[in-house]
């Protein structure tokens, strides 16, 4: 039997659920997700769940916020003066806006409050602070090629 170890490339199928059981993402009906263990290509909680699994094994794994989408960060909630927006723009609570940071990277933020003077946006991941559960099936484990010396 082949077990998943650091450095292995694995393929998984998953279904991701919120605490209330609502499915928010799945690979069902798609190709399995491929990543290399230890390369930080997926959230830490997924890597931890897959490590030690046997090829063909399935499991359910609950992931705390710090190993999933992170805890909400207060510094990602920003109040922006209304005069920073085009006059014709009327942001609504719940709307997603795109901004560029000082390095030119795109940031998507959700409007959480609107007043006559300002718009408050939250750039935290929508699932920050949430505990999530993943049903995982380890489809395939590929061991790295041995080094030739």
N, C-alpha and C. Protein backbone atom coordinates (compact mmCIF):
# COMPACT_ATOMS: atom_id res chain seq x y z
N UNK A 1 0.84 -1.18 0.00
CA UNK A 1 0.00 0.00 0.00
C UNK A 1 0.89 1.25 0.00
N UNK A 2 0.50 2.28 -0.73
CA UNK A 2 1.28 3.50 -0.83
C UNK A 2 0.66 4.58 0.06
N UNK A 3 1.50 5.15 0.94
CA UNK A 3 1.05 6.19 1.87
C UNK A 3 1.64 7.55 1.47
N UNK A 4 0.88 8.61 1.72
CA UNK A 4 1.31 9.97 1.37
C UNK A 4 2.32 10.48 2.38
N UNK A 5 3.48 10.92 1.87
CA UNK A 5 4.57 11.45 2.70
C UNK A 5 5.02 12.79 2.13
N UNK A 6 5.73 13.60 2.96
CA UNK A 6 6.25 14.88 2.45
C UNK A 6 7.07 14.66 1.18
N UNK A 7 6.87 15.53 0.21
CA UNK A 7 7.57 15.44 -1.07
C UNK A 7 6.81 14.67 -2.14
N UNK A 8 5.80 13.89 -1.73
CA UNK A 8 4.98 13.16 -2.70
C UNK A 8 4.03 14.11 -3.41
N UNK A 9 3.75 13.82 -4.68
CA UNK A 9 2.71 14.53 -5.41
C UNK A 9 1.46 13.67 -5.29
N UNK A 10 0.37 14.30 -4.86
CA UNK A 10 -0.87 13.57 -4.63
C UNK A 10 -2.00 14.15 -5.46
N UNK A 11 -3.00 13.34 -5.70
CA UNK A 11 -4.25 13.79 -6.33
C UNK A 11 -5.38 13.42 -5.39
N UNK A 12 -6.23 14.41 -5.11
CA UNK A 12 -7.37 14.18 -4.22
C UNK A 12 -8.66 14.66 -4.85
N UNK A 13 -9.74 14.07 -4.41
CA UNK A 13 -11.08 14.62 -4.62
C UNK A 13 -11.53 15.11 -3.25
N UNK A 14 -12.31 16.18 -3.24
CA UNK A 14 -12.75 16.72 -1.95
C UNK A 14 -14.14 17.34 -2.08
N UNK A 15 -14.79 17.44 -0.94
CA UNK A 15 -16.00 18.23 -0.80
C UNK A 15 -15.81 19.05 0.46
N UNK A 16 -15.96 20.37 0.36
CA UNK A 16 -15.74 21.29 1.46
C UNK A 16 -17.07 21.81 1.97
N UNK A 17 -17.23 21.74 3.31
CA UNK A 17 -18.50 22.15 3.92
C UNK A 17 -18.28 23.12 5.07
N UNK A 18 -19.28 23.98 5.26
CA UNK A 18 -19.29 24.86 6.42
C UNK A 18 -19.81 24.08 7.62
N UNK A 19 -19.78 24.72 8.79
CA UNK A 19 -20.24 24.04 10.02
C UNK A 19 -21.69 23.58 9.93
N UNK A 20 -22.52 24.32 9.20
CA UNK A 20 -23.93 23.94 9.08
C UNK A 20 -24.16 22.85 8.03
N UNK A 21 -23.08 22.36 7.41
CA UNK A 21 -23.19 21.30 6.42
C UNK A 21 -23.31 21.79 4.99
N UNK A 22 -23.42 23.10 4.79
CA UNK A 22 -23.53 23.65 3.43
C UNK A 22 -22.24 23.40 2.66
N UNK A 23 -22.36 22.83 1.47
CA UNK A 23 -21.21 22.60 0.60
C UNK A 23 -20.86 23.91 -0.10
N UNK A 24 -19.58 24.34 0.03
CA UNK A 24 -19.17 25.57 -0.64
C UNK A 24 -18.17 25.33 -1.75
N UNK A 25 -17.63 24.10 -1.84
CA UNK A 25 -16.71 23.79 -2.93
C UNK A 25 -16.57 22.28 -3.04
N UNK A 26 -16.33 21.80 -4.24
CA UNK A 26 -16.12 20.37 -4.45
C UNK A 26 -15.36 20.14 -5.75
N UNK A 27 -14.64 19.04 -5.79
CA UNK A 27 -13.98 18.65 -7.04
C UNK A 27 -14.80 17.58 -7.75
N UNK A 28 -15.95 17.23 -7.20
CA UNK A 28 -16.81 16.21 -7.79
C UNK A 28 -17.16 16.59 -9.23
N UNK A 29 -17.01 15.63 -10.14
CA UNK A 29 -17.31 15.87 -11.54
C UNK A 29 -16.19 16.56 -12.29
N UNK A 30 -15.07 16.80 -11.63
CA UNK A 30 -13.91 17.45 -12.24
C UNK A 30 -12.70 16.54 -12.07
N UNK A 31 -11.58 16.96 -12.65
CA UNK A 31 -10.33 16.25 -12.42
C UNK A 31 -9.94 16.40 -10.96
N UNK A 32 -9.26 15.39 -10.40
CA UNK A 32 -8.78 15.54 -9.02
C UNK A 32 -7.78 16.69 -8.92
N UNK A 33 -7.67 17.25 -7.72
CA UNK A 33 -6.73 18.33 -7.45
C UNK A 33 -5.36 17.71 -7.17
N UNK A 34 -4.33 18.24 -7.82
CA UNK A 34 -2.97 17.72 -7.65
C UNK A 34 -2.11 18.75 -6.95
N UNK A 35 -1.31 18.29 -5.98
CA UNK A 35 -0.36 19.16 -5.29
C UNK A 35 0.75 18.31 -4.68
N UNK A 36 1.86 18.96 -4.33
CA UNK A 36 2.99 18.28 -3.72
C UNK A 36 3.01 18.60 -2.23
N UNK A 37 3.02 17.56 -1.42
CA UNK A 37 3.02 17.73 0.03
C UNK A 37 4.29 18.43 0.48
N UNK A 38 4.10 19.47 1.29
CA UNK A 38 5.24 20.24 1.79
C UNK A 38 5.56 21.48 0.98
N UNK A 39 4.89 21.67 -0.15
CA UNK A 39 5.17 22.82 -1.02
C UNK A 39 4.23 24.00 -0.77
N UNK A 40 3.33 23.87 0.21
CA UNK A 40 2.38 24.94 0.58
C UNK A 40 1.52 25.38 -0.60
N UNK A 41 1.07 24.42 -1.39
CA UNK A 41 0.23 24.71 -2.55
C UNK A 41 -1.26 24.71 -2.19
N UNK A 42 -1.58 24.15 -1.03
CA UNK A 42 -2.95 24.12 -0.53
C UNK A 42 -2.93 24.55 0.94
N UNK A 43 -4.09 24.78 1.52
CA UNK A 43 -4.14 25.22 2.91
C UNK A 43 -3.50 24.16 3.83
N UNK A 44 -2.88 24.60 4.92
CA UNK A 44 -2.18 23.68 5.82
C UNK A 44 -3.06 22.53 6.32
N UNK A 45 -4.31 22.79 6.60
CA UNK A 45 -5.21 21.75 7.11
C UNK A 45 -5.42 20.61 6.13
N UNK A 46 -5.39 20.91 4.83
CA UNK A 46 -5.53 19.86 3.81
C UNK A 46 -4.26 19.00 3.80
N UNK A 47 -3.09 19.65 3.81
CA UNK A 47 -1.83 18.90 3.84
C UNK A 47 -1.78 17.97 5.04
N UNK A 48 -2.14 18.50 6.22
CA UNK A 48 -2.13 17.69 7.44
C UNK A 48 -3.06 16.49 7.31
N UNK A 49 -4.22 16.69 6.71
CA UNK A 49 -5.19 15.60 6.56
C UNK A 49 -4.66 14.52 5.63
N UNK A 50 -4.00 14.91 4.56
CA UNK A 50 -3.56 13.96 3.53
C UNK A 50 -2.31 13.18 3.97
N UNK A 51 -1.42 13.83 4.75
CA UNK A 51 -0.20 13.15 5.21
C UNK A 51 -0.57 11.86 5.94
N UNK A 52 0.03 10.77 5.52
CA UNK A 52 -0.20 9.48 6.16
C UNK A 52 -1.38 8.70 5.61
N UNK A 53 -2.19 9.33 4.76
CA UNK A 53 -3.31 8.59 4.16
C UNK A 53 -2.78 7.57 3.16
N UNK A 54 -3.52 6.51 3.00
CA UNK A 54 -3.18 5.49 2.00
C UNK A 54 -3.91 5.80 0.70
N UNK A 55 -3.26 5.50 -0.41
CA UNK A 55 -3.89 5.68 -1.71
C UNK A 55 -5.21 4.92 -1.72
N UNK A 56 -6.29 5.60 -2.14
CA UNK A 56 -7.63 5.00 -2.17
C UNK A 56 -8.44 5.25 -0.90
N UNK A 57 -7.79 5.74 0.15
CA UNK A 57 -8.47 6.00 1.42
C UNK A 57 -9.30 7.27 1.34
N UNK A 58 -10.40 7.31 2.10
CA UNK A 58 -11.23 8.50 2.25
C UNK A 58 -11.32 8.85 3.72
N UNK A 59 -11.47 10.14 4.01
CA UNK A 59 -11.65 10.57 5.40
C UNK A 59 -12.36 11.90 5.43
N UNK A 60 -12.90 12.23 6.59
CA UNK A 60 -13.49 13.54 6.84
C UNK A 60 -12.59 14.23 7.84
N UNK A 61 -12.23 15.49 7.54
CA UNK A 61 -11.27 16.21 8.39
C UNK A 61 -11.79 17.62 8.66
N UNK A 62 -11.93 17.96 9.95
CA UNK A 62 -12.35 19.30 10.35
C UNK A 62 -11.12 20.17 10.47
N UNK A 63 -11.18 21.37 9.89
CA UNK A 63 -10.03 22.27 9.87
C UNK A 63 -10.39 23.57 10.59
N UNK A 64 -9.57 23.92 11.56
CA UNK A 64 -9.76 25.16 12.31
C UNK A 64 -9.38 26.35 11.43
N UNK A 65 -9.89 27.54 11.74
CA UNK A 65 -9.63 28.72 10.89
C UNK A 65 -8.16 28.99 10.63
N UNK A 66 -7.29 28.82 11.63
CA UNK A 66 -5.87 29.15 11.43
C UNK A 66 -5.18 28.22 10.44
N UNK A 67 -5.78 27.06 10.14
CA UNK A 67 -5.21 26.13 9.16
C UNK A 67 -6.06 26.07 7.90
N UNK A 68 -7.06 26.98 7.82
CA UNK A 68 -7.94 27.02 6.65
C UNK A 68 -7.78 28.39 5.97
N UNK A 69 -8.75 29.27 6.15
CA UNK A 69 -8.73 30.57 5.49
C UNK A 69 -8.23 31.69 6.39
N UNK A 70 -7.74 31.32 7.57
CA UNK A 70 -7.16 32.29 8.49
C UNK A 70 -8.20 32.97 9.36
N UNK A 71 -7.70 33.68 10.34
CA UNK A 71 -8.55 34.49 11.22
C UNK A 71 -8.74 35.85 10.55
N UNK A 72 -9.88 36.49 10.77
CA UNK A 72 -10.06 37.83 10.20
C UNK A 72 -9.01 38.79 10.76
N UNK A 73 -8.51 39.66 9.89
CA UNK A 73 -7.51 40.65 10.30
C UNK A 73 -8.16 42.03 10.26
N UNK A 74 -8.13 42.72 11.39
CA UNK A 74 -8.75 44.03 11.50
C UNK A 74 -8.16 45.02 10.49
N UNK A 75 -6.86 44.88 10.19
CA UNK A 75 -6.22 45.82 9.27
C UNK A 75 -6.72 45.67 7.83
N UNK A 76 -7.46 44.61 7.55
CA UNK A 76 -8.04 44.43 6.21
C UNK A 76 -9.46 44.99 6.10
N UNK A 77 -9.91 45.62 7.18
CA UNK A 77 -11.19 46.34 7.17
C UNK A 77 -10.84 47.82 7.14
N UNK A 78 -11.21 48.48 6.05
CA UNK A 78 -10.75 49.85 5.81
C UNK A 78 -11.93 50.76 5.49
N UNK A 79 -11.88 51.95 6.08
CA UNK A 79 -12.87 53.00 5.79
C UNK A 79 -12.27 53.90 4.71
N UNK A 80 -13.00 54.04 3.60
CA UNK A 80 -12.52 54.83 2.46
C UNK A 80 -13.45 56.03 2.28
N UNK A 81 -12.86 57.23 2.19
CA UNK A 81 -13.67 58.43 1.97
C UNK A 81 -14.45 58.30 0.68
N UNK A 82 -15.70 58.77 0.71
CA UNK A 82 -16.58 58.71 -0.47
C UNK A 82 -15.96 59.41 -1.67
N UNK A 83 -15.18 60.49 -1.43
CA UNK A 83 -14.61 61.24 -2.55
C UNK A 83 -13.53 60.46 -3.28
N UNK A 84 -13.14 59.29 -2.78
CA UNK A 84 -12.18 58.42 -3.47
C UNK A 84 -12.85 57.60 -4.57
N UNK A 85 -14.17 57.57 -4.57
CA UNK A 85 -14.94 56.81 -5.57
C UNK A 85 -15.45 57.75 -6.65
N UNK A 86 -15.61 57.25 -7.86
CA UNK A 86 -16.22 58.08 -8.90
C UNK A 86 -17.63 58.51 -8.47
N UNK A 87 -18.02 59.72 -8.85
CA UNK A 87 -19.33 60.27 -8.45
C UNK A 87 -20.48 59.36 -8.83
N UNK A 88 -20.38 58.73 -10.02
CA UNK A 88 -21.48 57.90 -10.51
C UNK A 88 -21.56 56.53 -9.82
N UNK A 89 -20.57 56.22 -8.99
CA UNK A 89 -20.54 54.91 -8.33
C UNK A 89 -21.32 54.99 -7.02
N UNK A 90 -22.24 54.04 -6.84
CA UNK A 90 -23.04 53.96 -5.63
C UNK A 90 -22.88 52.59 -4.98
N UNK A 91 -21.81 52.40 -4.20
CA UNK A 91 -21.57 51.08 -3.60
C UNK A 91 -22.70 50.68 -2.65
N UNK A 92 -23.00 49.39 -2.64
CA UNK A 92 -24.03 48.82 -1.77
C UNK A 92 -23.39 47.79 -0.85
N UNK A 93 -23.94 47.64 0.35
CA UNK A 93 -23.47 46.62 1.29
C UNK A 93 -23.58 45.25 0.61
N UNK A 94 -22.51 44.48 0.70
CA UNK A 94 -22.46 43.15 0.08
C UNK A 94 -21.78 43.14 -1.28
N UNK A 95 -21.68 44.29 -1.90
CA UNK A 95 -21.04 44.39 -3.21
C UNK A 95 -19.54 44.12 -3.08
N UNK A 96 -18.95 43.51 -4.10
CA UNK A 96 -17.50 43.27 -4.13
C UNK A 96 -16.86 44.30 -5.06
N UNK A 97 -15.81 44.92 -4.57
CA UNK A 97 -15.08 45.94 -5.32
C UNK A 97 -13.64 45.48 -5.54
N UNK A 98 -13.05 45.89 -6.64
CA UNK A 98 -11.66 45.57 -6.95
C UNK A 98 -10.82 46.82 -6.75
N UNK A 99 -9.71 46.61 -6.04
CA UNK A 99 -8.75 47.69 -5.80
C UNK A 99 -7.37 47.18 -6.18
N UNK A 100 -6.42 48.10 -6.32
CA UNK A 100 -5.01 47.72 -6.47
C UNK A 100 -4.28 48.24 -5.25
N UNK A 101 -3.39 47.39 -4.68
CA UNK A 101 -2.61 47.86 -3.54
C UNK A 101 -1.40 48.64 -4.04
N UNK A 102 -0.54 49.07 -3.12
CA UNK A 102 0.61 49.90 -3.49
C UNK A 102 1.63 49.15 -4.35
N UNK A 103 1.51 47.81 -4.43
CA UNK A 103 2.40 47.00 -5.27
C UNK A 103 1.75 46.61 -6.59
N UNK A 104 0.55 47.13 -6.84
CA UNK A 104 -0.15 46.82 -8.08
C UNK A 104 -0.93 45.51 -8.07
N UNK A 105 -0.96 44.82 -6.92
CA UNK A 105 -1.71 43.56 -6.83
C UNK A 105 -3.19 43.86 -6.66
N UNK A 106 -4.01 43.03 -7.31
CA UNK A 106 -5.46 43.21 -7.22
C UNK A 106 -5.98 42.67 -5.89
N UNK A 107 -6.85 43.45 -5.26
CA UNK A 107 -7.49 43.08 -4.01
C UNK A 107 -8.99 43.16 -4.24
N UNK A 108 -9.69 42.14 -3.80
CA UNK A 108 -11.15 42.16 -3.86
C UNK A 108 -11.66 42.34 -2.44
N UNK A 109 -12.50 43.35 -2.25
CA UNK A 109 -13.03 43.65 -0.92
C UNK A 109 -14.55 43.74 -0.99
N UNK A 110 -15.18 43.32 0.11
CA UNK A 110 -16.64 43.34 0.21
C UNK A 110 -17.06 44.59 0.97
N UNK A 111 -18.05 45.31 0.46
CA UNK A 111 -18.57 46.50 1.13
C UNK A 111 -19.39 46.03 2.33
N UNK A 112 -19.02 46.56 3.52
CA UNK A 112 -19.75 46.15 4.73
C UNK A 112 -20.53 47.31 5.36
N UNK A 113 -20.26 48.55 4.93
CA UNK A 113 -21.01 49.70 5.45
C UNK A 113 -20.88 50.86 4.47
N UNK A 114 -21.98 51.60 4.32
CA UNK A 114 -21.99 52.77 3.44
C UNK A 114 -22.66 53.91 4.19
N UNK A 115 -21.97 55.08 4.24
CA UNK A 115 -22.56 56.30 4.79
C UNK A 115 -22.41 57.38 3.73
N UNK A 116 -22.91 58.56 4.03
CA UNK A 116 -22.76 59.69 3.10
C UNK A 116 -21.30 60.07 2.93
N UNK A 117 -20.48 59.85 3.97
CA UNK A 117 -19.08 60.28 3.96
C UNK A 117 -18.08 59.20 3.59
N UNK A 118 -18.42 57.92 3.81
CA UNK A 118 -17.41 56.87 3.65
C UNK A 118 -18.04 55.53 3.27
N UNK A 119 -17.17 54.66 2.76
CA UNK A 119 -17.53 53.28 2.44
C UNK A 119 -16.53 52.41 3.20
N UNK A 120 -17.03 51.46 3.98
CA UNK A 120 -16.15 50.55 4.71
C UNK A 120 -16.11 49.23 3.96
N UNK A 121 -14.88 48.77 3.67
CA UNK A 121 -14.71 47.53 2.92
C UNK A 121 -13.90 46.53 3.75
N UNK A 122 -14.14 45.26 3.49
CA UNK A 122 -13.46 44.17 4.19
C UNK A 122 -12.77 43.30 3.15
N UNK A 123 -11.43 43.25 3.20
CA UNK A 123 -10.66 42.47 2.24
C UNK A 123 -10.26 41.09 2.79
N UNK A 124 -10.79 40.71 3.96
CA UNK A 124 -10.55 39.37 4.47
C UNK A 124 -11.21 38.35 3.54
N UNK A 125 -10.68 37.13 3.52
CA UNK A 125 -11.33 36.05 2.77
C UNK A 125 -12.74 35.89 3.35
N UNK A 126 -13.75 35.65 2.51
CA UNK A 126 -15.12 35.51 3.01
C UNK A 126 -15.27 34.41 4.08
N UNK A 127 -14.37 33.42 4.08
CA UNK A 127 -14.45 32.34 5.06
C UNK A 127 -13.44 32.49 6.20
N UNK A 128 -12.80 33.66 6.30
CA UNK A 128 -11.87 33.89 7.41
C UNK A 128 -12.64 33.74 8.72
N UNK A 129 -12.03 33.03 9.66
CA UNK A 129 -12.65 32.82 10.96
C UNK A 129 -13.58 31.61 11.02
N UNK A 130 -13.80 30.97 9.88
CA UNK A 130 -14.73 29.83 9.82
C UNK A 130 -14.00 28.50 9.97
N UNK A 131 -14.61 27.59 10.72
CA UNK A 131 -14.14 26.22 10.78
C UNK A 131 -14.79 25.51 9.59
N UNK A 132 -14.01 24.73 8.85
CA UNK A 132 -14.54 24.03 7.67
C UNK A 132 -14.24 22.54 7.77
N UNK A 133 -15.03 21.75 7.08
CA UNK A 133 -14.85 20.30 7.06
C UNK A 133 -14.66 19.86 5.63
N UNK A 134 -13.65 19.02 5.41
CA UNK A 134 -13.36 18.49 4.08
C UNK A 134 -13.53 16.98 4.09
N UNK A 135 -14.32 16.47 3.15
CA UNK A 135 -14.35 15.05 2.85
C UNK A 135 -13.30 14.86 1.78
N UNK A 136 -12.30 14.02 2.06
CA UNK A 136 -11.15 13.87 1.17
C UNK A 136 -11.01 12.41 0.74
N UNK A 137 -10.78 12.22 -0.56
CA UNK A 137 -10.42 10.90 -1.09
C UNK A 137 -9.05 11.04 -1.73
N UNK A 138 -8.10 10.24 -1.25
CA UNK A 138 -6.75 10.25 -1.83
C UNK A 138 -6.77 9.32 -3.04
N UNK A 139 -6.75 9.91 -4.22
CA UNK A 139 -6.88 9.17 -5.47
C UNK A 139 -5.56 8.54 -5.90
N UNK A 140 -4.46 9.32 -5.75
CA UNK A 140 -3.18 8.83 -6.26
C UNK A 140 -2.03 9.45 -5.48
N UNK A 141 -0.97 8.64 -5.28
CA UNK A 141 0.26 9.12 -4.65
C UNK A 141 1.40 8.83 -5.62
N UNK A 142 2.17 9.85 -5.96
CA UNK A 142 3.36 9.67 -6.82
C UNK A 142 4.58 10.04 -6.00
N UNK A 143 5.50 9.10 -5.88
CA UNK A 143 6.73 9.32 -5.14
C UNK A 143 7.71 10.08 -6.03
N UNK A 144 8.53 10.98 -5.42
CA UNK A 144 9.52 11.70 -6.23
C UNK A 144 10.57 10.71 -6.78
N UNK A 145 11.12 11.06 -7.92
CA UNK A 145 12.16 10.23 -8.54
C UNK A 145 13.39 10.25 -7.62
N UNK A 146 14.05 9.13 -7.48
CA UNK A 146 15.26 9.12 -6.63
C UNK A 146 16.36 9.97 -7.26
N UNK A 147 17.15 10.58 -6.39
CA UNK A 147 18.26 11.41 -6.88
C UNK A 147 19.39 10.50 -7.36
N UNK A 148 19.97 10.86 -8.49
CA UNK A 148 21.11 10.11 -9.03
C UNK A 148 22.37 10.88 -8.66
N UNK A 149 23.30 10.17 -8.04
CA UNK A 149 24.53 10.85 -7.58
C UNK A 149 25.73 10.39 -8.38
